[in-house]
N, C-alpha and C. Protein backbone atom coordinates (compact mmCIF):
# COMPACT_ATOMS: atom_id res chain seq x y z
N MET A 1 0.62 -1.57 0.01
CA MET A 1 -0.04 -0.12 -0.12
C MET A 1 0.72 1.36 -0.28
N ASN A 2 0.59 2.25 -0.95
CA ASN A 2 1.32 3.28 -0.64
C ASN A 2 1.15 3.70 0.49
N ASN A 3 2.25 4.78 1.49
CA ASN A 3 2.83 5.32 2.64
C ASN A 3 1.39 6.17 2.27
N ASP A 4 1.74 7.31 1.22
CA ASP A 4 1.13 8.63 1.35
C ASP A 4 -0.12 8.23 1.67
N ASN A 5 -0.75 7.42 0.89
CA ASN A 5 -2.39 7.35 1.09
C ASN A 5 -2.63 6.75 2.06
N GLU A 6 -1.96 5.93 3.23
CA GLU A 6 -1.95 5.30 4.47
C GLU A 6 -2.19 6.70 4.53
N SER A 7 -1.89 7.47 5.16
CA SER A 7 -1.82 8.85 5.79
C SER A 7 -2.69 9.35 5.65
N LYS A 8 -3.46 9.38 4.07
CA LYS A 8 -4.45 10.40 3.91
C LYS A 8 -5.43 9.49 4.48
N SER A 9 -5.31 8.73 4.61
CA SER A 9 -7.14 8.13 4.58
C SER A 9 -7.07 7.92 5.95
N SER A 10 -5.60 7.67 7.12
CA SER A 10 -5.88 7.48 8.57
C SER A 10 -6.72 8.53 9.10
N SER A 11 -7.43 9.66 9.08
CA SER A 11 -7.46 10.45 10.10
C SER A 11 -9.62 9.74 10.10
N ALA A 12 -9.90 9.72 9.06
CA ALA A 12 -11.22 8.12 8.97
C ALA A 12 -10.89 7.27 9.63
N ASN A 13 -9.96 6.54 9.23
CA ASN A 13 -9.15 5.12 10.08
C ASN A 13 -9.69 5.32 11.69
N GLU A 14 -9.56 6.27 11.96
CA GLU A 14 -8.56 6.74 13.40
C GLU A 14 -10.26 7.42 14.75
N ALA A 15 -11.18 6.98 13.54
CA ALA A 15 -12.30 8.34 14.44
C ALA A 15 -12.71 7.26 15.21
N LYS A 16 -13.25 7.40 16.32
CA LYS A 16 -13.29 6.96 17.56
C LYS A 16 -15.19 6.62 16.94
N GLU A 17 -16.18 7.18 16.47
CA GLU A 17 -17.26 6.99 16.04
C GLU A 17 -17.39 7.30 13.93
N PHE A 18 -17.85 6.20 13.37
CA PHE A 18 -18.49 6.99 12.42
C PHE A 18 -19.66 7.06 11.94
N PRO A 19 -19.43 7.31 10.58
CA PRO A 19 -21.21 7.86 10.31
C PRO A 19 -21.56 6.63 9.64
N GLU A 20 -23.07 6.27 10.50
CA GLU A 20 -23.92 5.02 10.11
C GLU A 20 -24.48 5.26 9.02
N VAL A 21 -23.40 4.36 8.29
CA VAL A 21 -23.89 4.34 6.09
C VAL A 21 -22.66 3.23 6.04
N THR A 22 -23.21 2.79 5.19
CA THR A 22 -23.10 1.34 4.03
C THR A 22 -21.50 1.26 3.44
N ALA A 23 -20.68 2.27 3.41
CA ALA A 23 -18.97 2.92 2.99
C ALA A 23 -18.45 2.49 4.43
N PHE A 24 -18.73 3.14 5.40
CA PHE A 24 -17.84 2.81 6.48
C PHE A 24 -18.05 1.41 7.77
N GLU A 25 -19.55 1.08 7.11
CA GLU A 25 -19.40 -0.31 8.34
C GLU A 25 -18.28 -1.33 7.58
N ASP A 26 -18.08 -0.49 6.34
CA ASP A 26 -17.37 -2.08 5.28
C ASP A 26 -15.56 -1.45 5.92
N GLU A 27 -15.50 -2.30 6.32
CA GLU A 27 -13.55 -2.18 7.10
C GLU A 27 -13.02 -2.00 6.06
N PHE A 28 -13.17 -2.45 4.97
CA PHE A 28 -11.95 -2.51 3.62
C PHE A 28 -12.49 -1.16 2.70
N THR A 29 -13.67 -1.06 2.33
CA THR A 29 -13.99 -0.14 1.46
C THR A 29 -13.72 1.65 2.45
N ARG A 30 -13.94 1.54 3.53
CA ARG A 30 -13.63 2.51 5.21
C ARG A 30 -12.00 3.14 5.27
N SER A 31 -11.40 1.83 4.30
CA SER A 31 -9.88 2.55 4.91
C SER A 31 -9.68 3.13 3.05
N PHE A 32 -10.47 3.26 2.17
CA PHE A 32 -10.18 4.01 1.47
C PHE A 32 -10.71 5.75 1.35
N LEU A 33 -10.66 6.25 2.08
CA LEU A 33 -11.87 6.95 2.80
C LEU A 33 -11.17 7.89 3.97
N GLU A 34 -10.84 9.49 2.92
CA GLU A 34 -9.94 10.13 3.98
C GLU A 34 -10.08 10.87 5.12
N SER A 35 -11.81 10.76 4.68
CA SER A 35 -13.53 12.25 6.24
C SER A 35 -13.94 10.94 6.88
N THR A 36 -14.27 11.38 7.57
CA THR A 36 -15.75 11.01 8.37
C THR A 36 -16.67 12.34 7.02
N GLU A 37 -16.30 13.37 7.50
CA GLU A 37 -16.91 14.07 6.70
C GLU A 37 -17.76 13.73 5.47
N THR A 38 -18.83 15.01 4.65
CA THR A 38 -19.29 15.13 3.84
C THR A 38 -18.56 15.25 3.04
N THR A 39 -18.38 14.97 1.74
CA THR A 39 -17.84 16.22 0.27
C THR A 39 -19.03 16.59 0.17
N ARG A 40 -20.26 16.17 -0.11
CA ARG A 40 -21.57 16.91 -0.42
C ARG A 40 -22.80 15.85 0.25
N GLU A 41 -23.80 16.27 -0.51
CA GLU A 41 -24.45 15.12 1.16
C GLU A 41 -24.75 13.44 0.33
N GLY A 42 -24.38 12.65 0.87
CA GLY A 42 -24.33 11.29 0.46
C GLY A 42 -23.43 10.91 -0.30
N TYR A 43 -21.98 11.42 0.41
CA TYR A 43 -20.87 10.80 -0.27
C TYR A 43 -19.27 11.29 0.65
N TYR A 44 -17.98 10.52 -0.29
CA TYR A 44 -17.08 11.33 1.06
C TYR A 44 -16.05 10.75 0.48
N SER A 45 -15.14 11.42 0.86
CA SER A 45 -14.04 11.57 0.04
C SER A 45 -13.23 10.26 0.14
N PHE A 46 -12.67 10.27 -0.76
CA PHE A 46 -12.77 8.72 -1.43
C PHE A 46 -10.55 8.62 -2.26
N VAL A 47 -10.15 7.62 -1.96
CA VAL A 47 -8.26 8.43 -2.11
C VAL A 47 -7.83 6.66 -2.82
N SER A 48 -7.26 6.37 -4.06
CA SER A 48 -7.22 5.21 -4.19
C SER A 48 -6.50 4.35 -3.55
N LYS A 49 -5.21 3.21 -3.81
CA LYS A 49 -4.75 2.95 -2.82
C LYS A 49 -3.20 3.41 -4.09
N SER A 50 -3.49 2.98 -5.19
CA SER A 50 -2.20 3.87 -6.19
C SER A 50 -2.18 5.48 -5.44
N ASN A 51 -2.47 5.73 -5.38
CA ASN A 51 -2.65 6.96 -4.78
C ASN A 51 -2.31 7.92 -6.71
N SER A 52 -3.57 8.00 -7.38
CA SER A 52 -3.04 8.15 -8.89
C SER A 52 -4.24 9.19 -8.89
N PHE A 53 -6.13 9.12 -7.97
CA PHE A 53 -6.59 8.94 -8.43
C PHE A 53 -8.11 9.57 -7.68
N LYS A 54 -8.81 9.97 -7.09
CA LYS A 54 -9.64 10.54 -6.21
C LYS A 54 -11.02 11.60 -6.55
N MET A 55 -12.08 10.84 -5.28
CA MET A 55 -13.28 10.89 -6.05
C MET A 55 -14.41 11.33 -5.05
N ASP A 56 -15.29 11.67 -5.31
CA ASP A 56 -16.52 11.14 -4.50
C ASP A 56 -17.36 10.00 -4.42
N PHE A 57 -17.55 9.47 -3.16
CA PHE A 57 -17.48 7.72 -3.00
C PHE A 57 -19.51 7.80 -2.55
N PRO A 58 -20.27 7.36 -3.06
CA PRO A 58 -21.27 7.10 -2.26
C PRO A 58 -21.11 6.42 -1.86
N GLN A 59 -22.65 6.96 -0.05
CA GLN A 59 -22.93 6.47 1.00
C GLN A 59 -22.80 4.84 0.99
N ASP A 60 -23.50 4.60 0.13
CA ASP A 60 -24.24 3.91 -0.34
C ASP A 60 -23.82 2.45 -0.70
N MET A 61 -22.70 2.85 -0.93
CA MET A 61 -22.02 1.41 -2.18
C MET A 61 -21.02 0.73 -1.31
N ILE A 62 -20.57 -0.01 -1.61
CA ILE A 62 -18.63 -0.98 -0.67
C ILE A 62 -17.68 -1.32 -2.13
N ILE A 63 -16.98 -1.21 -1.51
CA ILE A 63 -15.37 -1.46 -2.59
C ILE A 63 -15.30 -2.91 -2.69
N ASN A 64 -15.37 -4.25 -3.06
CA ASN A 64 -15.75 -5.51 -2.77
C ASN A 64 -13.80 -5.62 -3.03
N GLU A 65 -13.98 -5.91 -2.01
CA GLU A 65 -12.01 -6.23 -1.43
C GLU A 65 -11.47 -7.63 -2.09
N GLU A 66 -12.29 -8.97 -2.15
CA GLU A 66 -11.87 -9.95 -3.66
C GLU A 66 -11.61 -9.55 -4.68
N SER A 67 -11.94 -8.56 -5.36
CA SER A 67 -11.71 -8.71 -6.89
C SER A 67 -11.05 -6.85 -7.21
N HIS A 68 -10.34 -6.21 -6.15
CA HIS A 68 -9.68 -5.47 -5.42
C HIS A 68 -8.56 -6.36 -5.92
N THR A 69 -7.66 -5.24 -6.98
CA THR A 69 -6.16 -5.11 -7.72
C THR A 69 -5.13 -3.60 -7.51
N VAL A 70 -4.25 -4.25 -7.17
CA VAL A 70 -3.24 -3.37 -7.08
C VAL A 70 -1.78 -3.65 -8.23
N GLU A 71 -1.37 -3.09 -9.22
CA GLU A 71 -0.45 -3.82 -9.57
C GLU A 71 1.19 -2.77 -9.28
N PRO A 72 2.24 -3.63 -9.71
CA PRO A 72 3.71 -3.37 -9.16
C PRO A 72 3.97 -1.51 -9.36
N ASP A 73 4.60 -0.44 -8.24
CA ASP A 73 4.40 0.20 -8.87
C ASP A 73 3.60 1.18 -9.89
N ASP A 74 2.54 1.48 -8.62
CA ASP A 74 0.84 1.88 -8.47
C ASP A 74 0.69 2.24 -10.30
N ARG A 75 0.88 0.98 -11.44
CA ARG A 75 1.15 1.65 -12.49
C ARG A 75 -0.38 1.42 -12.96
N GLY A 76 -0.84 0.12 -12.52
CA GLY A 76 -1.94 0.46 -12.59
C GLY A 76 -3.15 -0.43 -11.06
N GLU A 77 -4.76 0.39 -10.44
CA GLU A 77 -5.09 -0.54 -10.38
C GLU A 77 -7.09 -1.08 -11.07
N TYR A 78 -7.55 -1.90 -9.94
CA TYR A 78 -8.87 -2.49 -10.72
C TYR A 78 -9.82 -2.56 -9.50
N ILE A 79 -11.40 -1.47 -9.11
CA ILE A 79 -11.97 -1.57 -8.65
C ILE A 79 -12.73 -2.23 -8.95
N TYR A 80 -14.03 -3.01 -7.73
CA TYR A 80 -14.39 -3.21 -8.51
C TYR A 80 -15.72 -2.44 -6.90
N MET A 81 -17.16 -1.93 -7.61
CA MET A 81 -17.97 -0.87 -7.02
C MET A 81 -19.50 -1.28 -6.52
N GLU A 82 -20.21 -1.75 -5.66
CA GLU A 82 -21.63 -2.85 -5.18
C GLU A 82 -21.92 -1.73 -3.79
N TYR A 83 -23.54 -2.19 -4.57
CA TYR A 83 -24.00 -2.15 -3.84
C TYR A 83 -24.16 -2.90 -2.33
N ASN A 84 -23.80 -2.93 -0.73
CA ASN A 84 -24.30 -3.84 -0.21
C ASN A 84 -25.10 -5.42 -1.23
N PRO A 85 -24.95 -6.04 -1.19
CA PRO A 85 -25.23 -7.38 -1.85
C PRO A 85 -26.02 -8.42 -0.59
N GLU A 86 -26.71 -7.79 0.18
CA GLU A 86 -26.69 -8.63 1.63
C GLU A 86 -27.57 -7.18 1.85
N GLY A 87 -28.00 -6.77 1.62
CA GLY A 87 -28.99 -5.40 1.71
C GLY A 87 -30.03 -5.35 0.64
N SER A 88 -31.34 -5.18 0.28
CA SER A 88 -32.25 -5.20 -0.20
C SER A 88 -32.43 -4.14 -0.93
N LYS A 89 -32.05 -3.79 -2.24
CA LYS A 89 -32.19 -3.10 -3.59
C LYS A 89 -33.21 -3.07 -4.22
N ASP A 90 -34.24 -2.07 -4.88
CA ASP A 90 -34.99 -1.78 -5.66
C ASP A 90 -33.78 -1.76 -7.02
N LEU A 91 -32.95 -1.55 -6.92
CA LEU A 91 -31.88 -1.66 -7.83
C LEU A 91 -30.56 -1.71 -8.05
N TYR A 92 -30.12 -3.17 -8.64
CA TYR A 92 -28.69 -3.30 -8.32
C TYR A 92 -28.15 -2.56 -9.37
N ALA A 93 -26.82 -1.99 -8.72
CA ALA A 93 -26.12 -1.88 -9.55
C ALA A 93 -24.58 -1.75 -8.87
N VAL A 94 -23.40 -1.88 -10.75
CA VAL A 94 -22.00 -1.70 -9.98
C VAL A 94 -21.39 -1.25 -11.02
N ARG A 95 -20.33 -0.96 -10.75
CA ARG A 95 -19.62 0.18 -11.26
C ARG A 95 -17.77 -0.10 -11.41
N THR A 96 -16.85 -0.60 -12.14
CA THR A 96 -15.74 -1.10 -12.39
C THR A 96 -15.15 0.54 -12.69
N ILE A 97 -13.74 0.64 -12.13
CA ILE A 97 -13.18 1.77 -13.10
C ILE A 97 -11.17 0.65 -12.67
N GLN A 98 -10.71 0.66 -13.42
CA GLN A 98 -10.19 0.14 -14.68
C GLN A 98 -9.02 1.66 -14.97
N TYR A 99 -7.78 1.23 -13.71
CA TYR A 99 -6.55 2.76 -14.14
C TYR A 99 -5.76 2.00 -14.66
N THR A 100 -5.03 3.13 -15.48
CA THR A 100 -4.15 2.78 -16.13
C THR A 100 -2.49 3.93 -16.14
N ASN A 101 -1.38 3.57 -16.28
CA ASN A 101 -1.12 5.11 -16.58
C ASN A 101 -0.13 4.67 -17.56
N PHE A 102 -0.57 4.04 -18.55
CA PHE A 102 0.07 4.23 -19.85
C PHE A 102 -1.01 4.11 -21.00
N MET A 103 -1.80 4.89 -21.45
CA MET A 103 -3.17 4.72 -21.87
C MET A 103 -1.88 4.94 -23.59
N THR A 104 -2.32 4.20 -24.80
CA THR A 104 -1.46 4.09 -25.94
C THR A 104 -1.90 4.95 -26.37
N ASP A 105 -3.35 4.92 -26.64
CA ASP A 105 -5.19 5.78 -27.73
C ASP A 105 -5.51 5.78 -27.40
N GLU A 106 -6.38 6.02 -27.54
CA GLU A 106 -7.47 7.22 -26.91
C GLU A 106 -8.67 5.94 -27.86
N ALA A 107 -8.63 6.09 -29.50
CA ALA A 107 -9.38 4.88 -29.68
C ALA A 107 -9.14 3.46 -29.46
N ASN A 108 -8.73 3.29 -29.32
CA ASN A 108 -7.73 1.64 -28.68
C ASN A 108 -8.12 1.30 -27.35
N SER A 109 -8.93 2.90 -26.44
CA SER A 109 -9.69 2.26 -25.08
C SER A 109 -10.75 2.43 -25.03
N LYS A 110 -11.56 3.17 -25.93
CA LYS A 110 -12.50 3.21 -26.31
C LYS A 110 -13.21 1.35 -26.87
N LYS A 111 -12.30 1.18 -27.80
CA LYS A 111 -12.34 0.35 -28.80
C LYS A 111 -12.14 -1.18 -27.29
N GLN A 112 -12.00 -0.91 -26.53
CA GLN A 112 -11.40 -1.80 -25.30
C GLN A 112 -12.30 -1.77 -24.53
N ILE A 113 -13.45 -0.86 -24.26
CA ILE A 113 -13.81 -0.63 -23.12
C ILE A 113 -15.48 -1.70 -24.25
N SER A 114 -15.88 -1.04 -25.79
CA SER A 114 -16.77 -1.13 -26.30
C SER A 114 -16.18 -3.10 -26.59
N ASN A 115 -15.75 -3.66 -26.35
CA ASN A 115 -15.76 -5.14 -26.17
C ASN A 115 -15.77 -6.04 -24.90
N SER A 116 -15.22 -5.68 -24.56
CA SER A 116 -15.95 -5.75 -23.05
C SER A 116 -17.33 -6.01 -22.64
N LEU A 117 -18.12 -5.41 -23.60
CA LEU A 117 -19.69 -5.06 -23.54
C LEU A 117 -20.27 -6.02 -23.92
N ASP A 118 -19.40 -5.82 -25.76
CA ASP A 118 -19.92 -7.55 -26.66
C ASP A 118 -20.82 -6.57 -27.55
N LEU A 119 -20.75 -4.26 -27.81
CA LEU A 119 -21.62 -3.77 -27.90
C LEU A 119 -20.41 -2.33 -28.49
N GLU A 120 -21.39 -2.26 -29.41
CA GLU A 120 -20.68 -0.67 -30.65
C GLU A 120 -21.26 0.69 -29.91
N LEU A 121 -20.34 1.49 -29.59
CA LEU A 121 -20.30 2.84 -28.08
C LEU A 121 -19.54 4.03 -28.53
N GLU A 122 -20.88 5.10 -28.52
CA GLU A 122 -20.39 6.47 -29.01
C GLU A 122 -20.55 7.35 -27.77
N PHE A 123 -19.31 7.52 -27.69
CA PHE A 123 -18.88 8.19 -26.23
C PHE A 123 -19.19 9.46 -27.27
N ASN A 124 -19.17 10.47 -26.22
CA ASN A 124 -19.93 11.82 -26.40
C ASN A 124 -18.56 12.46 -24.76
N GLU A 125 -18.00 13.63 -25.16
CA GLU A 125 -17.89 14.35 -24.39
C GLU A 125 -18.14 15.41 -23.40
N ILE A 126 -17.76 15.20 -22.44
CA ILE A 126 -18.70 15.91 -21.01
C ILE A 126 -17.66 17.32 -21.11
N SER A 127 -17.88 18.11 -21.26
CA SER A 127 -16.61 19.50 -20.56
C SER A 127 -16.74 19.05 -19.16
N LEU A 128 -15.62 19.27 -19.24
CA LEU A 128 -14.77 19.62 -17.17
C LEU A 128 -13.85 21.07 -16.44
N ASN A 129 -14.02 21.45 -15.46
CA ASN A 129 -13.66 22.57 -14.88
C ASN A 129 -11.89 22.26 -15.27
N ASN A 130 -11.06 21.06 -15.55
CA ASN A 130 -10.11 21.20 -15.66
C ASN A 130 -9.07 20.28 -16.47
N ASP A 131 -8.24 19.89 -17.09
CA ASP A 131 -7.18 19.31 -17.49
C ASP A 131 -8.21 18.16 -18.18
N GLN A 132 -8.53 17.65 -18.22
CA GLN A 132 -8.98 16.03 -17.83
C GLN A 132 -9.89 15.90 -18.99
N LYS A 133 -10.32 14.86 -19.69
CA LYS A 133 -10.63 14.85 -20.82
C LYS A 133 -11.63 13.08 -20.21
N LEU A 134 -13.41 13.94 -20.01
CA LEU A 134 -13.84 13.37 -20.04
C LEU A 134 -15.69 12.13 -21.19
N GLN A 135 -15.20 11.66 -20.91
CA GLN A 135 -16.17 10.71 -22.91
C GLN A 135 -16.47 9.65 -22.30
N VAL A 136 -18.21 9.66 -22.82
CA VAL A 136 -18.97 8.41 -21.64
C VAL A 136 -20.03 8.31 -23.20
N ALA A 137 -20.64 7.09 -23.00
CA ALA A 137 -21.55 6.45 -23.52
C ALA A 137 -22.49 5.62 -23.29
N ASP A 138 -24.00 6.20 -23.28
CA ASP A 138 -25.02 5.39 -22.98
C ASP A 138 -25.44 4.24 -23.35
N PHE A 139 -25.42 2.39 -23.19
CA PHE A 139 -25.67 2.22 -23.16
C PHE A 139 -26.90 0.62 -22.68
N GLU A 140 -27.28 0.13 -23.61
CA GLU A 140 -28.14 -0.88 -23.25
C GLU A 140 -27.72 -1.69 -23.48
N TYR A 141 -27.80 -3.13 -22.67
CA TYR A 141 -27.14 -5.18 -22.91
C TYR A 141 -27.56 -4.85 -23.28
N ASP A 142 -28.82 -5.11 -22.58
CA ASP A 142 -29.60 -6.64 -22.99
C ASP A 142 -31.42 -5.11 -22.16
N GLU A 143 -33.05 -6.88 -22.04
CA GLU A 143 -33.62 -5.70 -21.83
C GLU A 143 -33.36 -5.59 -19.88
N GLU A 144 -33.23 -5.82 -19.50
CA GLU A 144 -32.86 -5.85 -17.81
C GLU A 144 -31.44 -4.31 -17.63
N ILE A 145 -30.56 -5.26 -18.32
CA ILE A 145 -29.19 -4.09 -17.64
C ILE A 145 -28.67 -3.39 -18.68
N SER A 146 -28.71 -1.78 -18.03
CA SER A 146 -28.61 -0.98 -18.48
C SER A 146 -27.63 0.36 -18.32
N GLY A 147 -26.60 0.85 -19.25
CA GLY A 147 -25.88 1.80 -17.42
C GLY A 147 -24.99 3.11 -18.95
N ILE A 148 -23.81 3.37 -17.73
CA ILE A 148 -23.19 3.57 -18.52
C ILE A 148 -21.75 3.90 -18.97
N ALA A 149 -21.11 3.52 -19.93
CA ALA A 149 -19.24 3.40 -19.93
C ALA A 149 -18.73 5.03 -20.04
N ALA A 150 -17.56 4.86 -19.56
CA ALA A 150 -16.88 5.73 -19.35
C ALA A 150 -14.87 5.73 -19.94
N LEU A 151 -14.91 7.15 -20.06
CA LEU A 151 -12.84 7.37 -20.67
C LEU A 151 -13.31 8.58 -19.92
N ILE A 152 -11.79 8.42 -19.17
CA ILE A 152 -11.26 9.39 -18.67
C ILE A 152 -9.60 10.07 -18.57
N SER A 153 -9.68 10.48 -19.15
CA SER A 153 -8.14 10.85 -19.60
C SER A 153 -6.98 11.74 -19.41
N ASN A 154 -5.68 11.74 -18.97
CA ASN A 154 -5.71 12.94 -19.51
C ASN A 154 -4.53 13.52 -20.07
N SER A 155 -3.34 14.22 -20.59
CA SER A 155 -2.17 14.58 -21.51
C SER A 155 -0.92 13.40 -20.90
N LYS A 156 -0.47 12.98 -19.42
CA LYS A 156 -0.08 11.78 -19.28
C LYS A 156 -0.39 10.12 -19.63
N ASN A 157 -0.61 10.25 -19.74
CA ASN A 157 -1.04 9.13 -20.22
C ASN A 157 -2.05 8.50 -18.76
N GLN A 158 -2.49 9.23 -19.05
CA GLN A 158 -3.58 8.33 -17.31
C GLN A 158 -4.22 7.94 -17.64
N GLU A 159 -5.59 6.92 -17.22
CA GLU A 159 -6.80 6.70 -17.94
C GLU A 159 -7.69 6.14 -16.96
N LEU A 160 -8.53 5.87 -17.26
CA LEU A 160 -9.58 4.74 -16.32
C LEU A 160 -10.60 4.82 -17.24
N GLN A 161 -10.87 3.27 -17.14
CA GLN A 161 -12.12 3.12 -17.84
C GLN A 161 -12.93 2.86 -16.80
N ILE A 162 -14.44 2.75 -16.65
CA ILE A 162 -15.41 2.73 -16.37
C ILE A 162 -16.71 2.38 -17.02
N ILE A 163 -17.17 0.93 -16.14
CA ILE A 163 -18.86 0.67 -16.65
C ILE A 163 -19.50 0.18 -14.76
N ALA A 164 -20.97 1.44 -15.76
CA ALA A 164 -21.67 1.12 -15.06
C ALA A 164 -22.61 0.28 -15.28
N ASP A 165 -23.56 -0.49 -14.30
CA ASP A 165 -24.45 -2.19 -14.73
C ASP A 165 -25.48 -1.61 -13.85
N ILE A 166 -26.12 -1.28 -13.98
CA ILE A 166 -27.73 -0.35 -13.89
C ILE A 166 -28.54 -2.00 -13.93
N GLN A 167 -29.30 -2.39 -13.09
CA GLN A 167 -30.57 -3.66 -13.19
C GLN A 167 -31.67 -3.63 -12.01
N CYS A 168 -32.80 -3.32 -12.51
CA CYS A 168 -33.74 -2.78 -11.27
C CYS A 168 -34.00 -4.36 -10.57
N GLY A 169 -34.41 -4.46 -9.42
CA GLY A 169 -34.88 -5.53 -9.03
C GLY A 169 -35.82 -6.05 -8.17
N GLU A 170 -36.37 -7.43 -8.63
CA GLU A 170 -38.16 -8.02 -8.42
C GLU A 170 -38.61 -7.31 -7.84
N ALA A 171 -38.71 -6.94 -6.76
CA ALA A 171 -39.98 -5.79 -5.88
C ALA A 171 -40.06 -4.53 -7.31
N THR A 172 -38.86 -3.62 -8.39
CA THR A 172 -39.01 -2.71 -8.82
C THR A 172 -40.53 -3.23 -10.03
N GLN A 173 -41.52 -2.47 -9.96
CA GLN A 173 -42.30 -2.69 -10.67
C GLN A 173 -42.40 -2.01 -12.47
N SER A 174 -42.45 -2.99 -13.33
CA SER A 174 -42.09 -2.41 -15.09
C SER A 174 -42.23 -1.32 -15.23
N ASP A 175 -43.21 -0.98 -15.16
CA ASP A 175 -43.52 0.76 -15.23
C ASP A 175 -42.64 1.98 -14.48
N THR A 176 -42.08 1.81 -13.73
CA THR A 176 -40.99 2.81 -12.60
C THR A 176 -39.93 2.31 -13.12
N CYS A 177 -39.62 1.10 -14.10
CA CYS A 177 -38.06 0.57 -13.50
C CYS A 177 -37.41 1.39 -14.28
N ALA A 178 -37.93 2.15 -15.73
CA ALA A 178 -37.07 3.03 -16.58
C ALA A 178 -36.74 3.72 -16.45
N SER A 179 -37.46 4.60 -15.17
CA SER A 179 -37.84 5.96 -14.42
C SER A 179 -35.70 5.74 -13.49
N GLU A 180 -36.45 4.74 -13.03
CA GLU A 180 -35.46 4.73 -12.50
C GLU A 180 -33.75 4.37 -12.72
N LYS A 181 -33.75 3.64 -13.60
CA LYS A 181 -32.57 3.61 -14.71
C LYS A 181 -31.88 4.56 -14.44
N GLU A 182 -33.15 5.79 -14.95
CA GLU A 182 -32.69 7.36 -15.72
C GLU A 182 -32.20 8.32 -14.70
N LYS A 183 -32.51 7.90 -13.38
CA LYS A 183 -32.00 8.57 -12.31
C LYS A 183 -31.11 8.16 -12.14
N GLU A 184 -30.65 7.00 -11.92
CA GLU A 184 -29.43 6.88 -11.37
C GLU A 184 -27.60 5.99 -12.63
N LYS A 185 -29.05 6.92 -14.17
CA LYS A 185 -27.39 7.06 -14.24
C LYS A 185 -27.26 8.62 -14.46
N GLU A 186 -27.95 9.47 -14.29
CA GLU A 186 -28.31 11.15 -13.61
C GLU A 186 -27.05 10.98 -12.40
N LYS A 187 -27.18 10.30 -11.71
CA LYS A 187 -25.78 9.73 -10.11
C LYS A 187 -25.24 9.14 -10.68
N ILE A 188 -24.98 8.32 -12.28
CA ILE A 188 -23.27 8.24 -12.73
C ILE A 188 -22.48 9.30 -12.65
N ILE A 189 -23.23 10.34 -14.51
CA ILE A 189 -22.87 11.22 -14.97
C ILE A 189 -21.49 12.56 -13.82
N GLU A 190 -22.79 12.55 -12.32
CA GLU A 190 -22.68 13.51 -12.10
C GLU A 190 -21.77 13.01 -10.95
N TRP A 191 -21.19 11.33 -10.72
CA TRP A 191 -20.31 11.21 -9.70
C TRP A 191 -18.89 10.84 -11.01
N LEU A 192 -18.99 11.12 -11.96
CA LEU A 192 -17.70 10.48 -13.13
C LEU A 192 -17.33 12.37 -13.26
N GLU A 193 -17.74 13.30 -12.73
CA GLU A 193 -17.09 14.72 -13.28
C GLU A 193 -16.89 14.65 -11.15
N THR A 194 -16.73 13.35 -10.46
CA THR A 194 -15.94 14.75 -9.28
C THR A 194 -14.47 13.31 -9.35
N ILE A 195 -14.04 12.51 -10.59
CA ILE A 195 -13.57 11.58 -10.94
C ILE A 195 -12.11 12.43 -10.87
N GLU A 196 -10.48 12.68 -10.10
CA GLU A 196 -9.70 13.35 -10.19
C GLU A 196 -8.60 13.02 -10.38
N PHE A 197 -7.57 12.83 -11.17
CA PHE A 197 -6.28 12.03 -11.60
C PHE A 197 -5.40 13.15 -10.08
N ILE A 198 -5.23 12.17 -9.54
CA ILE A 198 -3.97 12.98 -7.90
C ILE A 198 -2.50 12.66 -9.13
N ASN A 199 -2.13 11.74 -8.94
CA ASN A 199 -0.84 11.98 -9.47
C ASN A 199 -0.29 12.24 -10.85
N THR A 200 -0.21 13.14 -11.61
CA THR A 200 0.07 13.71 -12.92
C THR A 200 1.88 13.56 -13.42
N GLU A 201 1.71 12.98 -12.52
CA GLU A 201 3.64 13.06 -12.98
C GLU A 201 3.95 12.41 -13.93
N GLY A 202 3.05 11.24 -14.84
CA GLY A 202 2.83 10.63 -15.98
C GLY A 202 3.97 9.79 -16.09
N ARG A 203 4.74 8.54 -16.48
CA ARG A 203 5.61 7.70 -16.79
C ARG A 203 5.81 7.15 -18.33
């Protein structure tokens, strides 16, 4: 683990009392969180173990420890976010983040994301107030699963390939499922805009 990242998250982990939310109740997820103070309603400051990017982390999601990996020298990191699998949800959503510090070609990265979904994706850029580039694509995988795919990159050849899947739970009525998915997509876009590279030395 990166020593800088250890110190960044120490204030949250040394707190005597944690917020009563899913993200802090999960010990592994809590190790990514910088503070018990919210960045905005329902979100906490998150720093990756590779100390490469930060973001607002949803209070009702956790990081799957078994799926998490960090490559040697922090060259890459894989994060699998999910709602607490033990809880009952009207909506099931997972978000996967693949970080690398050696993007070779933007078109190839988009193709990798498309291939992972076995779909042809059309990416559109969202303007940001920094030197990063955020491109997103809305997708419908099948009748049940839809979501947002995204590519975030910068001039230092760092990139994040992100896929957010959304599926309605069995308890969700079919006539409300579409609107619930759209609400989740709006939340995903807002969340994507909070992601920021913090180690921009490049390699």
